[in-house]
Every structure is written in C-alpha cells, then in structure tokens.
Amino acid sequence: MASLIKRGSTYYLQYSLNGKVRRLSTGTDSFQLAEEKQRQYESARVRGEDNPLPSRTPLPEILGAYATHVRAVKRPKSAQTDVYRSIYEPVGKVSLR
C-alpha cells in the first residue's frame, strides 16, 4: 500500500518494494491529483501491471543517441552487436562468455 508524503510543494508516493522504501514523484502540488495518482498506482499494482505513472524518459531518443555514440567510438561490427543487444536482449541478462 502506498502513502502520500509532501516534500517541498510536491507530493510523492511512498511504498515498500523488496523491503526497501521507495518514493515516486506524482509531479503535482495538488492533494486531490496526488490522491488520484495514488489510486491509479495501487489499482495497477493489484492487477499486476507496472508503474502506471508515466516517465519523462523518451526511450527512442535515448536509444538513438546511444546508437550514434557507439557507432562513432567502436568498430562497425562491435557497434552493430552492441546496438542489437541493447534493443533486443532483455535487461539484466548475464552473458557467460
């Protein structure tokens, strides 16, 4: 179960995950909006979904910048392999090579 806390003028969701306390910004200073985001978060967790609150991270831009950087500093085959792995392999996969 998540709770709301206010730090400065912004409300945060505070919840426990794997025994650690986590805080997630609601991005609002309105208590009513923060309560609605808390309700959305809790109902998504009950349904087994990931975090319903959107992230500000534009993933296509990040992957594009990474691919451009890798192609500039590595040899072509190494760059191709790194870009492929960053897009198609699951996050956290350990390679035993």
C-alpha atoms as a PDB file:
ATOM      1  CA  MET A   1       0.000   0.000   0.000  1.00  0.00           C
ATOM      2  CA  ALA A   2       1.329   3.408  -0.945  1.00  0.00           C
ATOM      3  CA  SER A   3       1.075   6.546   1.113  1.00  0.00           C
ATOM      4  CA  LEU A   4       1.378  10.192   0.163  1.00  0.00           C
ATOM      5  CA  ILE A   5       4.039  12.458   1.586  1.00  0.00           C
ATOM      6  CA  LYS A   6       4.745  16.077   0.769  1.00  0.00           C
ATOM      7  CA  ARG A   7       8.301  17.278   0.239  1.00  0.00           C
ATOM      8  CA  GLY A   8       8.532  20.946  -0.520  1.00  0.00           C
ATOM      9  CA  SER A   9       5.486  21.662  -2.634  1.00  0.00           C
ATOM     10  CA  THR A  10       5.353  18.276  -4.423  1.00  0.00           C
ATOM     11  CA  TYR A  11       3.546  15.133  -3.336  1.00  0.00           C
ATOM     12  CA  TYR A  12       5.316  11.765  -3.516  1.00  0.00           C
ATOM     13  CA  LEU A  13       4.045   8.202  -3.369  1.00  0.00           C
ATOM     14  CA  GLN A  14       5.925   6.251  -0.729  1.00  0.00           C
ATOM     15  CA  TYR A  15       5.800   2.463  -0.883  1.00  0.00           C
ATOM     16  CA  SER A  16       7.849  -0.576   0.062  1.00  0.00           C
ATOM     17  CA  LEU A  17       9.419  -2.821  -2.586  1.00  0.00           C
ATOM     18  CA  ASN A  18      11.510  -5.848  -1.606  1.00  0.00           C
ATOM     19  CA  GLY A  19      11.914  -4.469   1.896  1.00  0.00           C
ATOM     20  CA  LYS A  20      13.126  -1.041   0.728  1.00  0.00           C
ATOM     21  CA  VAL A  21      11.182   2.176   0.956  1.00  0.00           C
ATOM     22  CA  ARG A  22      10.753   3.838  -2.432  1.00  0.00           C
ATOM     23  CA  ARG A  23       9.430   7.274  -3.330  1.00  0.00           C
ATOM     24  CA  LEU A  24       7.893   8.217  -6.638  1.00  0.00           C
ATOM     25  CA  SER A  25       7.037  11.790  -7.553  1.00  0.00           C
ATOM     26  CA  THR A  26       3.450  12.474  -8.532  1.00  0.00           C
ATOM     27  CA  GLY A  27       4.592  15.659 -10.252  1.00  0.00           C
ATOM     28  CA  THR A  28       1.857  17.746  -8.683  1.00  0.00           C
ATOM     29  CA  ASP A  29       1.324  20.060  -5.762  1.00  0.00           C
ATOM     30  CA  SER A  30      -2.436  19.377  -5.664  1.00  0.00           C
ATOM     31  CA  PHE A  31      -3.521  16.914  -2.989  1.00  0.00           C
ATOM     32  CA  GLN A  32      -6.558  15.788  -5.000  1.00  0.00           C
ATOM     33  CA  LEU A  33      -4.460  14.993  -8.087  1.00  0.00           C
ATOM     34  CA  ALA A  34      -1.895  13.206  -5.942  1.00  0.00           C
ATOM     35  CA  GLU A  35      -4.647  11.071  -4.384  1.00  0.00           C
ATOM     36  CA  GLU A  36      -5.923  10.135  -7.860  1.00  0.00           C
ATOM     37  CA  LYS A  37      -2.409   9.119  -8.945  1.00  0.00           C
ATOM     38  CA  GLN A  38      -2.073   7.076  -5.748  1.00  0.00           C
ATOM     39  CA  ARG A  39      -5.357   5.298  -6.553  1.00  0.00           C
ATOM     40  CA  GLN A  40      -4.148   4.565 -10.122  1.00  0.00           C
ATOM     41  CA  TYR A  41      -0.838   3.255  -8.812  1.00  0.00           C
ATOM     42  CA  GLU A  42      -2.435   0.955  -6.249  1.00  0.00           C
ATOM     43  CA  SER A  43      -5.022  -0.448  -8.663  1.00  0.00           C
ATOM     44  CA  ALA A  44      -2.289  -1.146 -11.261  1.00  0.00           C
ATOM     45  CA  ARG A  45      -0.228  -2.984  -8.624  1.00  0.00           C
ATOM     46  CA  VAL A  46      -3.260  -5.128  -7.698  1.00  0.00           C
ATOM     47  CA  ARG A  47      -3.734  -6.013 -11.387  1.00  0.00           C
ATOM     48  CA  GLY A  48      -0.038  -6.943 -11.605  1.00  0.00           C
ATOM     49  CA  GLU A  49       0.893  -4.160 -14.032  1.00  0.00           C
ATOM     50  CA  ASP A  50       3.986  -1.996 -13.948  1.00  0.00           C
ATOM     51  CA  ASN A  51       4.023   1.576 -12.765  1.00  0.00           C
ATOM     52  CA  PRO A  52       1.094   3.411 -14.402  1.00  0.00           C
ATOM     53  CA  LEU A  53       2.626   6.830 -13.823  1.00  0.00           C
ATOM     54  CA  PRO A  54       4.396   7.963 -16.980  1.00  0.00           C
ATOM     55  CA  SER A  55       8.104   8.527 -17.089  1.00  0.00           C
ATOM     56  CA  ARG A  56       9.690  11.601 -18.627  1.00  0.00           C
ATOM     57  CA  THR A  57      12.342   9.454 -20.294  1.00  0.00           C
ATOM     58  CA  PRO A  58      11.912   9.462 -24.105  1.00  0.00           C
ATOM     59  CA  LEU A  59      13.202   5.953 -24.880  1.00  0.00           C
ATOM     60  CA  PRO A  60      13.517   6.335 -28.695  1.00  0.00           C
ATOM     61  CA  GLU A  61      15.690   9.424 -28.251  1.00  0.00           C
ATOM     62  CA  ILE A  62      17.925   7.676 -25.731  1.00  0.00           C
ATOM     63  CA  LEU A  63      18.391   4.595 -27.918  1.00  0.00           C
ATOM     64  CA  GLY A  64      19.100   6.778 -30.958  1.00  0.00           C
ATOM     65  CA  ALA A  65      21.731   8.798 -29.116  1.00  0.00           C
ATOM     66  CA  TYR A  66      23.311   5.611 -27.772  1.00  0.00           C
ATOM     67  CA  ALA A  67      23.454   4.057 -31.249  1.00  0.00           C
ATOM     68  CA  THR A  68      25.037   7.215 -32.701  1.00  0.00           C
ATOM     69  CA  HIS A  69      27.630   7.314 -29.909  1.00  0.00           C
ATOM     70  CA  VAL A  70      28.511   3.606 -30.215  1.00  0.00           C
ATOM     71  CA  ARG A  71      28.894   3.872 -33.983  1.00  0.00           C
ATOM     72  CA  ALA A  72      31.273   6.816 -33.528  1.00  0.00           C
ATOM     73  CA  VAL A  73      33.599   5.181 -30.981  1.00  0.00           C
ATOM     74  CA  LYS A  74      33.590   1.473 -31.878  1.00  0.00           C
ATOM     75  CA  ARG A  75      34.401  -0.585 -34.914  1.00  0.00           C
ATOM     76  CA  PRO A  76      31.429  -1.290 -37.197  1.00  0.00           C
ATOM     77  CA  LYS A  77      30.852  -4.911 -36.169  1.00  0.00           C
ATOM     78  CA  SER A  78      31.189  -4.147 -32.438  1.00  0.00           C
ATOM     79  CA  ALA A  79      28.811  -1.213 -32.781  1.00  0.00           C
ATOM     80  CA  GLN A  80      26.286  -3.354 -34.649  1.00  0.00           C
ATOM     81  CA  THR A  81      26.439  -6.034 -31.946  1.00  0.00           C
ATOM     82  CA  ASP A  82      26.088  -3.530 -29.096  1.00  0.00           C
ATOM     83  CA  VAL A  83      23.130  -1.771 -30.689  1.00  0.00           C
ATOM     84  CA  TYR A  84      21.422  -5.097 -31.398  1.00  0.00           C
ATOM     85  CA  ARG A  85      21.928  -6.283 -27.818  1.00  0.00           C
ATOM     86  CA  SER A  86      20.706  -3.014 -26.310  1.00  0.00           C
ATOM     87  CA  ILE A  87      17.456  -3.273 -28.251  1.00  0.00           C
ATOM     88  CA  TYR A  88      16.662  -6.993 -28.420  1.00  0.00           C
ATOM     89  CA  GLU A  89      18.132  -8.636 -25.311  1.00  0.00           C
ATOM     90  CA  PRO A  90      16.220  -8.444 -22.042  1.00  0.00           C
ATOM     91  CA  VAL A  91      17.536  -6.064 -19.434  1.00  0.00           C
ATOM     92  CA  GLY A  92      19.613  -7.772 -16.782  1.00  0.00           C
ATOM     93  CA  LYS A  93      20.588 -10.773 -18.871  1.00  0.00           C
ATOM     94  CA  VAL A  94      24.006 -12.068 -17.870  1.00  0.00           C
ATOM     95  CA  SER A  95      26.349 -13.329 -20.549  1.00  0.00           C
ATOM     96  CA  LEU A  96      28.749 -16.093 -19.551  1.00  0.00           C
ATOM     97  CA  ARG A  97      31.211 -15.674 -22.410  1.00  0.00           C
END
